[in-house]
Amino acid sequence: MEIDRKAFLDSLGGADAINRMDSEARADALEHHMLSQLNRAIGADQNGEQSEAKQYPTAAEVEAQIETRPFRQGAGFLVVPRTGENVKRLPPMPENPTLLDFFKLRFMETANHVLQSATLAMKTGMSEEVILACLLHDVVQEIIRTDHGWWGAQLFEPYVSEKVSFAIRYHQALRYYPDPAVGYVYPDLYRTLFGSDYVPPPYIEMTYQTVRKHRWYMDARMVTVNDFYAFDPNAVVSIDPFLDIIGRHFKQPKEGLGNDNSPVAHMWRTIARPDQPL
């Protein structure tokens, strides 16, 4: 049986977590991982698919992993790199940074995904506001991942239309609820991340019920749809096709993002200078 070393390390919280375990604990962890892989293979062979009970952890098992990590899962990618390596020195930002400067110099971990999302939205004939929302919907995860829909909407509210910020804010809550009319099903990935028996908290359910009745529901839902289906590792994308849309729908402050004294300027400064200790 071949073992995916990275997947094994990640399942235990990374290399640092492994280093804190004694040899017996490491051996037990490896055996558990191999049994899990074997059960998946057997389940797939016998049933033509993996059984949910064997494929996904429970919510309690996911929660039990919290203290195996030297960081919290909600930390943004600029703060804690995906793969656990040391952070690298960031290039300086221009004096009056634009949205394009942030895409080039700070949105390194999220840019490819949101560009895929916006490209898909453009190909499927979405409105320019939905395309822009797709382009912006996840970049706030560079500094914060928890409730990123709300954080992301706040980050962009002074610079985009109310509809665009609405779509960014609520795409997050809609992810947990299927909509067969647009071909959106509950992602298997969420059963892995949150547990097979995970139930969204009451504020998510309440938000969904409210947004479902809103006149802009479908705008937010289309961001969710184009978010879910935009993870192609072989996609070649560029921001160039979206420059005109940005020019028409994004209100770039002349002072530069972070320098315009807006209610969210501090958020842009945090993205620009994530190494600032105070």
Protein backbone atom coordinates (compact mmCIF):
# COMPACT_ATOMS: atom_id res chain seq x y z
CA MET A 1 0.00 0.00 0.00
CA GLU A 2 1.34 3.42 -0.97
CA ILE A 3 1.11 6.12 1.69
CA ASP A 4 0.59 9.76 0.77
CA ARG A 5 3.05 11.25 3.27
CA LYS A 6 1.69 14.77 3.01
CA ALA A 7 -1.90 13.61 3.51
CA PHE A 8 -0.81 11.55 6.53
CA LEU A 9 1.08 14.47 8.11
CA ASP A 10 -1.78 16.86 7.41
CA SER A 11 -4.28 14.50 9.03
CA LEU A 12 -2.31 14.74 12.27
CA GLY A 13 -1.79 18.49 12.21
CA GLY A 14 1.50 18.70 10.29
CA ALA A 15 5.16 17.96 10.98
CA ASP A 16 5.24 19.90 14.24
CA ALA A 17 2.46 17.76 15.69
CA ILE A 18 4.30 14.59 14.60
CA ASN A 19 7.49 15.78 16.30
CA ARG A 20 5.67 16.09 19.63
CA MET A 21 4.47 12.48 19.47
CA ASP A 22 6.52 9.57 20.86
CA SER A 23 7.37 6.60 18.63
CA GLU A 24 4.45 4.50 19.90
CA ALA A 25 1.96 7.23 19.13
CA ARG A 26 3.44 7.69 15.66
CA ALA A 27 3.20 3.95 14.95
CA ASP A 28 -0.41 3.86 16.15
CA ALA A 29 -1.24 6.89 14.01
CA LEU A 30 0.34 5.32 10.92
CA GLU A 31 -1.50 2.04 11.50
CA HIS A 32 -4.78 3.88 11.90
CA HIS A 33 -4.13 5.79 8.68
CA MET A 34 -3.28 2.59 6.77
CA LEU A 35 -6.39 0.83 8.06
CA SER A 36 -8.48 3.79 7.04
CA GLN A 37 -6.97 3.73 3.54
CA LEU A 38 -7.53 -0.03 3.30
CA ASN A 39 -11.16 0.30 4.40
CA ARG A 40 -11.72 2.95 1.79
CA ALA A 41 -10.28 0.72 -0.93
CA ILE A 42 -12.36 -2.27 0.19
CA GLY A 43 -15.49 -0.18 0.43
CA ALA A 44 -14.91 1.20 -3.05
CA ASP A 45 -14.31 -2.29 -4.51
CA GLN A 46 -17.35 -3.88 -2.87
CA ASN A 47 -19.85 -1.08 -3.25
CA GLY A 48 -18.55 0.86 -6.21
CA GLU A 49 -18.19 3.83 -3.89
CA GLN A 50 -16.82 4.65 -0.46
CA SER A 51 -19.24 4.29 2.42
CA GLU A 52 -19.82 7.54 4.26
CA ALA A 53 -19.16 6.02 7.69
CA LYS A 54 -15.67 4.96 6.62
CA GLN A 55 -14.86 7.91 4.43
CA TYR A 56 -15.63 10.83 6.73
CA PRO A 57 -14.84 11.67 10.38
CA THR A 58 -17.53 12.74 12.81
CA ALA A 59 -17.78 16.34 13.97
CA ALA A 60 -16.44 15.24 17.36
CA GLU A 61 -13.38 13.65 15.73
CA VAL A 62 -12.71 16.84 13.78
CA GLU A 63 -12.96 18.88 16.98
CA ALA A 64 -10.57 16.49 18.73
CA GLN A 65 -7.86 17.47 16.22
CA ILE A 66 -7.79 21.10 17.42
CA GLU A 67 -5.09 20.57 20.05
CA THR A 68 -2.89 18.61 17.62
CA ARG A 69 -2.11 21.80 15.66
CA PRO A 70 0.24 24.70 16.50
CA PHE A 71 -2.20 27.13 14.86
CA ARG A 72 -5.93 27.73 14.54
CA GLN A 73 -7.69 26.71 11.35
CA GLY A 74 -9.27 30.14 10.94
CA ALA A 75 -5.91 31.87 10.44
CA GLY A 76 -5.41 33.36 6.99
CA PHE A 77 -2.92 32.10 4.44
CA LEU A 78 -0.66 35.15 4.74
CA VAL A 79 -0.43 34.45 8.47
CA VAL A 80 -0.07 30.65 8.42
CA PRO A 81 1.07 29.07 5.12
CA ARG A 82 -1.00 26.14 3.83
CA THR A 83 1.90 23.68 3.90
CA GLY A 84 3.38 24.62 7.27
CA GLU A 85 6.73 25.99 6.08
CA ASN A 86 8.27 29.21 7.36
CA VAL A 87 6.81 32.39 5.96
CA LYS A 88 8.77 34.30 3.32
CA ARG A 89 9.60 37.99 3.16
CA LEU A 90 6.88 39.82 1.24
CA PRO A 91 7.67 42.30 -1.52
CA PRO A 92 6.90 45.93 -0.62
CA MET A 93 3.60 47.44 -1.71
CA PRO A 94 3.46 50.57 -3.89
CA GLU A 95 2.82 53.87 -2.13
CA ASN A 96 -0.78 54.06 -3.38
CA PRO A 97 -1.70 50.41 -3.88
CA THR A 98 -4.51 49.38 -6.21
CA LEU A 99 -6.62 46.25 -6.25
CA LEU A 100 -4.36 44.86 -8.98
CA ASP A 101 -1.32 45.43 -6.75
CA PHE A 102 -2.94 43.35 -4.02
CA PHE A 103 -3.73 40.59 -6.50
CA LYS A 104 -0.10 40.56 -7.62
CA LEU A 105 1.66 41.01 -4.27
CA ARG A 106 -0.66 39.77 -1.49
CA PHE A 107 -3.40 37.49 -2.82
CA MET A 108 -0.93 34.79 -3.85
CA GLU A 109 -2.77 31.88 -2.21
CA THR A 110 -6.29 32.85 -3.24
CA ALA A 111 -5.82 34.55 -6.63
CA ASN A 112 -5.78 31.41 -8.78
CA HIS A 113 -9.00 30.09 -7.28
CA VAL A 114 -10.96 33.33 -7.55
CA LEU A 115 -9.68 33.88 -11.09
CA GLN A 116 -10.95 30.40 -11.97
CA SER A 117 -14.26 31.24 -10.34
CA ALA A 118 -14.61 34.53 -12.24
CA THR A 119 -13.53 32.88 -15.50
CA LEU A 120 -16.22 30.23 -15.10
CA ALA A 121 -18.81 32.90 -14.30
CA MET A 122 -17.82 34.81 -17.43
CA LYS A 123 -18.00 31.69 -19.61
CA THR A 124 -21.48 30.85 -18.33
CA GLY A 125 -22.81 34.34 -19.05
CA MET A 126 -23.14 35.73 -15.55
CA SER A 127 -23.69 39.46 -15.03
CA GLU A 128 -20.66 41.70 -14.52
CA GLU A 129 -21.59 42.15 -10.84
CA VAL A 130 -21.64 38.39 -10.26
CA ILE A 131 -18.36 38.02 -12.13
CA LEU A 132 -16.79 40.70 -9.93
CA ALA A 133 -18.18 39.05 -6.79
CA CYS A 134 -16.62 35.76 -7.93
CA LEU A 135 -13.32 37.54 -8.50
CA LEU A 136 -13.33 38.96 -4.95
CA HIS A 137 -15.25 36.43 -2.88
CA ASP A 138 -12.39 34.53 -1.19
CA VAL A 139 -9.38 36.85 -1.15
CA VAL A 140 -10.05 37.94 2.45
CA GLN A 141 -8.94 34.43 3.43
CA GLU A 142 -5.41 35.74 3.14
CA ILE A 143 -5.95 37.20 6.65
CA ILE A 144 -9.01 35.40 8.06
CA ARG A 145 -10.91 32.25 7.09
CA THR A 146 -13.65 32.07 9.74
CA ASP A 147 -16.87 33.69 8.48
CA HIS A 148 -14.96 34.84 5.43
CA GLY A 149 -18.15 35.77 3.59
CA TRP A 150 -18.92 38.48 6.12
CA TRP A 151 -15.29 39.59 6.39
CA GLY A 152 -14.95 39.66 2.61
CA ALA A 153 -18.09 41.74 2.12
CA GLN A 154 -16.87 44.21 4.71
CA LEU A 155 -13.47 44.46 3.03
CA PHE A 156 -15.04 45.51 -0.27
CA GLU A 157 -18.22 47.35 0.76
CA PRO A 158 -16.88 50.90 0.26
CA TYR A 159 -15.68 50.08 -3.25
CA VAL A 160 -18.39 47.94 -4.88
CA SER A 161 -22.16 47.97 -5.34
CA GLU A 162 -24.53 46.76 -2.65
CA LYS A 163 -25.39 43.75 -4.80
CA VAL A 164 -21.75 42.70 -5.15
CA SER A 165 -21.13 42.94 -1.40
CA PHE A 166 -24.39 41.02 -0.77
CA ALA A 167 -23.26 38.20 -3.05
CA ILE A 168 -19.84 38.03 -1.38
CA ARG A 169 -21.31 38.08 2.13
CA TYR A 170 -23.85 35.32 1.65
CA HIS A 171 -22.09 32.90 -0.70
CA GLN A 172 -20.59 31.37 2.46
CA ALA A 173 -23.89 30.44 4.13
CA LEU A 174 -25.39 29.10 0.90
CA ARG A 175 -22.59 26.54 0.52
CA TYR A 176 -24.22 24.27 3.10
CA TYR A 177 -27.58 24.05 1.32
CA PRO A 178 -28.21 22.25 -1.99
CA ASP A 179 -30.12 23.93 -4.79
CA PRO A 180 -31.02 21.35 -7.45
CA ALA A 181 -32.37 24.07 -9.73
CA VAL A 182 -28.80 25.26 -10.41
CA GLY A 183 -27.07 21.88 -9.97
CA TYR A 184 -25.52 22.63 -6.58
CA VAL A 185 -25.09 19.66 -4.23
CA TYR A 186 -23.57 19.48 -0.76
CA PRO A 187 -19.79 19.09 -1.28
CA ASP A 188 -18.14 15.88 -0.07
CA LEU A 189 -15.22 18.04 1.02
CA TYR A 190 -17.39 19.50 3.79
CA ARG A 191 -17.97 16.05 5.26
CA THR A 192 -14.20 15.74 5.51
CA LEU A 193 -13.65 19.23 6.92
CA PHE A 194 -16.58 19.39 9.34
CA GLY A 195 -17.61 15.76 9.92
CA SER A 196 -20.23 13.46 8.40
CA ASP A 197 -22.82 14.52 11.01
CA TYR A 198 -22.06 18.25 10.90
CA VAL A 199 -24.99 20.63 11.20
CA PRO A 200 -24.35 24.34 10.44
CA PRO A 201 -24.81 26.63 13.47
CA PRO A 202 -28.14 28.41 13.93
CA TYR A 203 -26.91 31.74 12.53
CA ILE A 204 -26.03 30.03 9.24
CA GLU A 205 -29.45 28.37 9.03
CA MET A 206 -31.17 31.67 9.86
CA THR A 207 -29.07 33.49 7.26
CA TYR A 208 -29.92 30.90 4.61
CA GLN A 209 -33.64 31.16 5.29
CA THR A 210 -33.47 34.96 5.04
CA VAL A 211 -31.31 35.09 1.90
CA ARG A 212 -33.40 32.41 0.19
CA LYS A 213 -36.28 34.92 0.07
CA HIS A 214 -34.18 37.91 -1.02
CA ARG A 215 -34.38 39.36 -4.52
CA TRP A 216 -30.60 38.95 -4.85
CA TYR A 217 -30.57 35.34 -3.70
CA MET A 218 -29.56 34.02 -7.11
CA ASP A 219 -26.62 36.44 -7.35
CA ALA A 220 -25.18 35.05 -4.12
CA ARG A 221 -26.04 31.49 -5.17
CA MET A 222 -24.18 31.91 -8.46
CA VAL A 223 -21.06 32.88 -6.53
CA THR A 224 -21.46 29.68 -4.52
CA VAL A 225 -21.90 27.61 -7.66
CA ASN A 226 -18.87 29.11 -9.37
CA ASP A 227 -16.91 28.83 -6.13
CA PHE A 228 -17.56 25.10 -5.75
CA TYR A 229 -16.58 24.17 -9.30
CA ALA A 230 -13.42 26.28 -9.54
CA PHE A 231 -10.58 24.10 -8.25
CA ASP A 232 -8.83 22.88 -11.40
CA PRO A 233 -5.06 22.51 -10.71
CA ASN A 234 -4.34 22.64 -14.45
CA ALA A 235 -6.28 25.81 -15.24
CA VAL A 236 -4.36 28.72 -16.77
CA VAL A 237 -5.96 31.99 -15.69
CA SER A 238 -5.20 35.70 -15.80
CA ILE A 239 -6.73 38.84 -14.39
CA ASP A 240 -6.53 40.57 -17.78
CA PRO A 241 -10.05 39.59 -18.97
CA PHE A 242 -11.49 41.29 -15.88
CA LEU A 243 -9.71 44.64 -16.07
CA ASP A 244 -12.63 46.38 -17.77
CA ILE A 245 -15.11 44.96 -15.24
CA ILE A 246 -12.90 46.14 -12.38
CA GLY A 247 -12.65 49.55 -14.01
CA ARG A 248 -16.43 49.83 -14.34
CA HIS A 249 -17.47 48.39 -10.98
CA PHE A 250 -14.62 48.85 -8.48
CA LYS A 251 -14.17 52.33 -6.95
CA GLN A 252 -10.40 52.51 -6.58
CA PRO A 253 -9.48 55.25 -4.06
CA LYS A 254 -6.91 57.68 -5.42
CA GLU A 255 -4.99 57.55 -2.11
CA GLY A 256 -4.58 53.81 -2.45
CA LEU A 257 -6.31 50.98 -0.62
CA GLY A 258 -5.44 51.30 3.06
CA ASN A 259 -4.65 55.01 2.80
CA ASP A 260 -8.13 56.42 2.14
CA ASN A 261 -9.36 56.57 5.76
CA SER A 262 -12.34 54.38 4.90
CA PRO A 263 -13.95 52.21 7.63
CA VAL A 264 -12.02 49.23 6.24
CA ALA A 265 -8.65 50.87 5.52
CA HIS A 266 -7.15 49.00 8.49
CA MET A 267 -8.05 45.68 6.88
CA TRP A 268 -6.16 46.57 3.72
CA ARG A 269 -3.18 47.73 5.81
CA THR A 270 -3.24 44.39 7.64
CA ILE A 271 -3.08 42.52 4.33
CA ALA A 272 -0.31 44.82 3.12
CA ARG A 273 1.73 44.44 6.35
CA PRO A 274 0.88 41.11 7.99
CA ASP A 275 4.29 40.97 9.72
CA GLN A 276 3.50 44.07 11.80
CA PRO A 277 3.44 42.86 15.44
CA LEU A 278 1.25 45.67 16.87
